[in-house]
């Protein structure tokens, strides 16, 4: 949940409309809830390949045709990414510190 209950209640009328964070802090909170936990955000720093096209397009003005329609207000008034697919969790290290 990103917004307070009272704000989300007022935003229910915007369900299905494009969402754009109002500032960098709000954007980071959104990305922590979705992008950073998503299987689509698979950027490989070593090769420079991969990554999420939706995240890249989110830097465009919301009026731009290419702005991601996947970022939108949900029926509950909370912002969401409709393309979100939870990444598999990283394996927990063993007691000796090794990973399976």
N, C-alpha and C. Protein backbone atom coordinates (compact mmCIF):
# COMPACT_ATOMS: atom_id res chain seq x y z
N UNK A 1 0.85 -1.17 0.00
CA UNK A 1 0.00 0.00 0.00
C UNK A 1 0.90 1.23 0.00
N UNK A 2 0.63 2.12 -0.92
CA UNK A 2 1.46 3.30 -1.06
C UNK A 2 0.79 4.54 -0.48
N UNK A 3 -0.48 4.73 -0.78
CA UNK A 3 -1.19 5.90 -0.33
C UNK A 3 -1.99 5.59 0.93
N UNK A 4 -2.30 6.64 1.70
CA UNK A 4 -3.14 6.47 2.87
C UNK A 4 -4.53 6.02 2.41
N UNK A 5 -5.28 5.44 3.31
CA UNK A 5 -6.62 4.95 2.96
C UNK A 5 -7.52 6.06 2.45
N UNK A 6 -7.46 7.24 3.09
CA UNK A 6 -8.36 8.31 2.65
C UNK A 6 -7.99 8.83 1.26
N UNK A 7 -6.70 8.94 0.96
CA UNK A 7 -6.29 9.36 -0.38
C UNK A 7 -6.65 8.30 -1.42
N UNK A 8 -6.39 7.04 -1.10
CA UNK A 8 -6.73 5.96 -2.03
C UNK A 8 -8.24 5.94 -2.31
N UNK A 9 -9.02 6.21 -1.30
CA UNK A 9 -10.48 6.24 -1.48
C UNK A 9 -10.87 7.30 -2.51
N UNK A 10 -10.24 8.47 -2.44
CA UNK A 10 -10.54 9.54 -3.39
C UNK A 10 -10.04 9.21 -4.80
N UNK A 11 -8.98 8.39 -4.88
CA UNK A 11 -8.40 8.06 -6.18
C UNK A 11 -9.07 6.88 -6.87
N UNK A 12 -10.01 6.23 -6.21
CA UNK A 12 -10.71 5.10 -6.83
C UNK A 12 -11.40 5.51 -8.13
N UNK A 13 -11.82 6.75 -8.21
CA UNK A 13 -12.48 7.26 -9.42
C UNK A 13 -11.52 7.28 -10.61
N UNK A 14 -10.22 7.20 -10.36
CA UNK A 14 -9.22 7.23 -11.43
C UNK A 14 -8.78 5.83 -11.84
N UNK A 15 -9.45 4.81 -11.36
CA UNK A 15 -9.08 3.42 -11.68
C UNK A 15 -8.94 3.24 -13.19
N UNK A 16 -7.80 2.64 -13.59
CA UNK A 16 -7.54 2.39 -15.00
C UNK A 16 -6.82 3.53 -15.71
N UNK A 17 -6.76 4.71 -15.09
CA UNK A 17 -6.03 5.84 -15.68
C UNK A 17 -4.54 5.67 -15.44
N UNK A 18 -3.73 6.26 -16.31
CA UNK A 18 -2.28 6.19 -16.15
C UNK A 18 -1.87 6.84 -14.84
N UNK A 19 -0.85 6.26 -14.21
CA UNK A 19 -0.29 6.78 -12.97
C UNK A 19 1.13 7.26 -13.24
N UNK A 20 1.47 8.43 -12.70
CA UNK A 20 2.84 8.91 -12.75
C UNK A 20 3.19 9.44 -11.36
N UNK A 21 4.29 8.95 -10.78
CA UNK A 21 4.69 9.46 -9.46
C UNK A 21 4.85 10.98 -9.49
N UNK A 22 4.51 11.63 -8.39
CA UNK A 22 4.58 13.09 -8.34
C UNK A 22 5.98 13.61 -8.07
N UNK A 23 6.87 12.75 -7.57
CA UNK A 23 8.24 13.18 -7.30
C UNK A 23 9.14 11.93 -7.20
N UNK A 24 10.42 12.16 -7.02
CA UNK A 24 11.37 11.06 -6.98
C UNK A 24 11.15 10.11 -5.81
N UNK A 25 10.77 10.64 -4.66
CA UNK A 25 10.53 9.78 -3.50
C UNK A 25 9.36 8.85 -3.76
N UNK A 26 8.27 9.40 -4.28
CA UNK A 26 7.10 8.57 -4.59
C UNK A 26 7.45 7.54 -5.65
N UNK A 27 8.24 7.96 -6.64
CA UNK A 27 8.66 7.03 -7.68
C UNK A 27 9.50 5.89 -7.13
N UNK A 28 10.40 6.21 -6.20
CA UNK A 28 11.24 5.18 -5.60
C UNK A 28 10.40 4.20 -4.77
N UNK A 29 9.43 4.71 -4.05
CA UNK A 29 8.54 3.84 -3.27
C UNK A 29 7.78 2.91 -4.21
N UNK A 30 7.28 3.45 -5.31
CA UNK A 30 6.56 2.62 -6.29
C UNK A 30 7.49 1.55 -6.85
N UNK A 31 8.70 1.95 -7.24
CA UNK A 31 9.65 1.01 -7.82
C UNK A 31 10.06 -0.07 -6.81
N UNK A 32 10.17 0.28 -5.54
CA UNK A 32 10.47 -0.74 -4.52
C UNK A 32 9.35 -1.76 -4.42
N UNK A 33 8.12 -1.30 -4.57
CA UNK A 33 6.98 -2.20 -4.47
C UNK A 33 6.76 -3.06 -5.70
N UNK A 34 7.20 -2.58 -6.85
CA UNK A 34 6.96 -3.30 -8.10
C UNK A 34 8.26 -3.61 -8.84
N UNK A 35 8.88 -2.61 -9.42
CA UNK A 35 10.03 -2.82 -10.33
C UNK A 35 11.15 -3.65 -9.72
N UNK A 36 11.57 -3.30 -8.51
CA UNK A 36 12.71 -3.98 -7.91
C UNK A 36 12.40 -5.41 -7.52
N UNK A 37 11.13 -5.80 -7.53
CA UNK A 37 10.73 -7.17 -7.17
C UNK A 37 10.15 -7.92 -8.37
N UNK A 38 10.31 -7.35 -9.57
CA UNK A 38 9.66 -7.90 -10.76
C UNK A 38 10.61 -8.72 -11.62
N UNK A 39 10.10 -9.80 -12.15
CA UNK A 39 10.89 -10.66 -13.04
C UNK A 39 11.24 -9.95 -14.35
N UNK A 40 10.48 -8.93 -14.73
CA UNK A 40 10.75 -8.22 -15.98
C UNK A 40 11.94 -7.27 -15.87
N UNK A 41 12.29 -6.89 -14.63
CA UNK A 41 13.43 -5.99 -14.43
C UNK A 41 14.69 -6.84 -14.27
N UNK A 42 15.18 -7.33 -15.40
CA UNK A 42 16.28 -8.30 -15.41
C UNK A 42 17.56 -7.73 -15.99
N UNK A 43 17.83 -6.46 -15.72
CA UNK A 43 19.01 -5.81 -16.27
C UNK A 43 20.28 -6.48 -15.76
N UNK A 44 21.20 -6.78 -16.67
CA UNK A 44 22.48 -7.39 -16.33
C UNK A 44 23.55 -6.30 -16.42
N UNK A 45 24.09 -5.90 -15.28
CA UNK A 45 25.08 -4.82 -15.26
C UNK A 45 26.35 -5.20 -16.02
N UNK A 46 26.71 -6.47 -16.02
CA UNK A 46 27.94 -6.89 -16.70
C UNK A 46 27.83 -6.75 -18.22
N UNK A 47 26.70 -7.19 -18.77
CA UNK A 47 26.55 -7.16 -20.23
C UNK A 47 25.84 -5.90 -20.73
N UNK A 48 25.13 -5.22 -19.82
CA UNK A 48 24.35 -4.06 -20.24
C UNK A 48 23.08 -4.43 -20.97
N UNK A 49 22.68 -5.69 -20.88
CA UNK A 49 21.49 -6.17 -21.59
C UNK A 49 20.36 -6.43 -20.61
N UNK A 50 19.18 -6.49 -21.19
CA UNK A 50 17.99 -6.77 -20.39
C UNK A 50 17.37 -5.47 -19.89
N UNK A 51 16.62 -5.57 -18.86
CA UNK A 51 15.95 -4.41 -18.29
C UNK A 51 14.49 -4.37 -18.71
N UNK A 52 13.76 -3.47 -18.12
CA UNK A 52 12.33 -3.37 -18.34
C UNK A 52 12.00 -2.17 -19.20
N UNK A 53 11.38 -2.42 -20.33
CA UNK A 53 10.95 -1.36 -21.23
C UNK A 53 9.94 -0.44 -20.56
N UNK A 54 9.11 -1.00 -19.70
CA UNK A 54 8.09 -0.19 -19.01
C UNK A 54 8.78 0.85 -18.14
N UNK A 55 9.76 0.42 -17.38
CA UNK A 55 10.49 1.34 -16.52
C UNK A 55 11.17 2.43 -17.35
N UNK A 56 11.78 2.07 -18.45
CA UNK A 56 12.43 3.05 -19.32
C UNK A 56 11.43 4.08 -19.84
N UNK A 57 10.24 3.62 -20.24
CA UNK A 57 9.23 4.53 -20.79
C UNK A 57 8.59 5.42 -19.72
N UNK A 58 8.76 5.06 -18.44
CA UNK A 58 8.14 5.84 -17.36
C UNK A 58 8.78 7.22 -17.21
N UNK A 59 9.93 7.44 -17.84
CA UNK A 59 10.59 8.74 -17.76
C UNK A 59 10.05 9.72 -18.81
N UNK A 60 9.17 9.26 -19.66
CA UNK A 60 8.52 10.14 -20.64
C UNK A 60 7.41 10.93 -19.97
N UNK A 61 6.97 12.03 -20.55
CA UNK A 61 5.81 12.74 -20.01
C UNK A 61 4.58 11.82 -20.07
N UNK A 62 3.71 11.94 -19.09
CA UNK A 62 2.53 11.07 -19.03
C UNK A 62 1.64 11.25 -20.26
N UNK A 63 1.71 12.41 -20.90
CA UNK A 63 0.90 12.67 -22.09
C UNK A 63 1.43 11.94 -23.33
N UNK A 64 2.68 11.48 -23.27
CA UNK A 64 3.28 10.80 -24.43
C UNK A 64 2.57 9.48 -24.69
N UNK A 65 2.35 9.19 -25.95
CA UNK A 65 1.69 7.95 -26.33
C UNK A 65 2.44 6.73 -25.79
N UNK A 66 3.78 6.83 -25.72
CA UNK A 66 4.61 5.71 -25.29
C UNK A 66 4.68 5.55 -23.77
N UNK A 67 4.14 6.54 -23.01
CA UNK A 67 4.16 6.42 -21.55
C UNK A 67 3.45 5.12 -21.18
N UNK A 68 3.98 4.36 -20.23
CA UNK A 68 3.43 3.04 -19.95
C UNK A 68 2.01 3.05 -19.37
N UNK A 69 1.11 2.49 -20.14
CA UNK A 69 -0.26 2.31 -19.66
C UNK A 69 -0.33 1.25 -18.57
N UNK A 70 0.75 0.49 -18.41
CA UNK A 70 0.80 -0.54 -17.37
C UNK A 70 0.85 0.08 -15.97
N UNK A 71 1.36 1.31 -15.89
CA UNK A 71 1.37 2.03 -14.62
C UNK A 71 0.04 2.76 -14.51
N UNK A 72 -0.82 2.30 -13.63
CA UNK A 72 -2.14 2.89 -13.53
C UNK A 72 -2.69 2.79 -12.11
N UNK A 73 -3.76 3.52 -11.88
CA UNK A 73 -4.46 3.44 -10.61
C UNK A 73 -5.32 2.19 -10.62
N UNK A 74 -5.28 1.45 -9.51
CA UNK A 74 -6.09 0.24 -9.40
C UNK A 74 -7.49 0.56 -8.89
N UNK A 75 -8.33 -0.45 -8.86
CA UNK A 75 -9.70 -0.29 -8.36
C UNK A 75 -9.73 0.17 -6.91
N UNK A 76 -8.65 -0.10 -6.17
CA UNK A 76 -8.56 0.30 -4.77
C UNK A 76 -7.97 1.70 -4.59
N UNK A 77 -7.65 2.39 -5.72
CA UNK A 77 -7.09 3.73 -5.66
C UNK A 77 -5.58 3.76 -5.50
N UNK A 78 -4.98 2.60 -5.34
CA UNK A 78 -3.53 2.51 -5.19
C UNK A 78 -2.89 2.35 -6.56
N UNK A 79 -1.71 2.95 -6.78
CA UNK A 79 -1.02 2.74 -8.05
C UNK A 79 -0.52 1.31 -8.17
N UNK A 80 -0.44 0.83 -9.40
CA UNK A 80 0.03 -0.53 -9.63
C UNK A 80 0.65 -0.63 -11.02
N UNK A 81 1.38 -1.70 -11.24
CA UNK A 81 1.88 -2.02 -12.57
C UNK A 81 1.17 -3.30 -12.98
N UNK A 82 0.39 -3.22 -14.05
CA UNK A 82 -0.40 -4.38 -14.47
C UNK A 82 0.46 -5.49 -15.06
N UNK A 83 1.72 -5.19 -15.39
CA UNK A 83 2.62 -6.20 -15.96
C UNK A 83 3.48 -6.86 -14.88
N UNK A 84 3.30 -6.49 -13.63
CA UNK A 84 4.13 -7.01 -12.55
C UNK A 84 4.07 -8.53 -12.48
N UNK A 85 5.24 -9.13 -12.41
CA UNK A 85 5.38 -10.57 -12.23
C UNK A 85 6.47 -10.78 -11.19
N UNK A 86 6.09 -11.29 -10.04
CA UNK A 86 7.04 -11.43 -8.94
C UNK A 86 8.24 -12.28 -9.34
N UNK A 87 9.42 -11.74 -9.10
CA UNK A 87 10.65 -12.49 -9.35
C UNK A 87 10.77 -13.58 -8.29
N UNK A 88 11.41 -14.68 -8.65
CA UNK A 88 11.61 -15.73 -7.66
C UNK A 88 12.58 -15.21 -6.61
N UNK A 89 12.31 -15.51 -5.35
CA UNK A 89 13.18 -15.02 -4.29
C UNK A 89 14.58 -15.61 -4.40
N UNK A 90 15.55 -14.83 -3.96
CA UNK A 90 16.93 -15.34 -3.95
C UNK A 90 17.03 -16.46 -2.91
N UNK A 91 17.83 -17.49 -3.21
CA UNK A 91 17.97 -18.56 -2.23
C UNK A 91 18.65 -18.04 -0.98
N UNK A 92 18.19 -18.55 0.16
CA UNK A 92 18.78 -18.18 1.44
C UNK A 92 20.15 -18.84 1.57
N UNK A 93 21.14 -18.10 2.08
CA UNK A 93 22.45 -18.73 2.27
C UNK A 93 22.39 -19.82 3.33
N UNK A 94 23.19 -20.84 3.16
CA UNK A 94 23.30 -21.91 4.16
C UNK A 94 24.03 -21.36 5.39
N UNK A 95 24.03 -22.12 6.45
CA UNK A 95 24.68 -21.68 7.69
C UNK A 95 26.16 -21.36 7.47
N UNK A 96 26.80 -22.05 6.50
CA UNK A 96 28.23 -21.79 6.24
C UNK A 96 28.43 -20.60 5.30
N UNK A 97 27.32 -19.93 4.89
CA UNK A 97 27.41 -18.76 4.04
C UNK A 97 27.32 -19.06 2.54
N UNK A 98 27.33 -20.33 2.17
CA UNK A 98 27.24 -20.68 0.75
C UNK A 98 25.79 -20.63 0.30
N UNK A 99 25.59 -20.46 -0.99
CA UNK A 99 24.23 -20.48 -1.53
C UNK A 99 24.05 -21.73 -2.37
N UNK A 100 22.84 -22.29 -2.31
CA UNK A 100 22.59 -23.54 -3.08
C UNK A 100 22.65 -23.33 -4.57
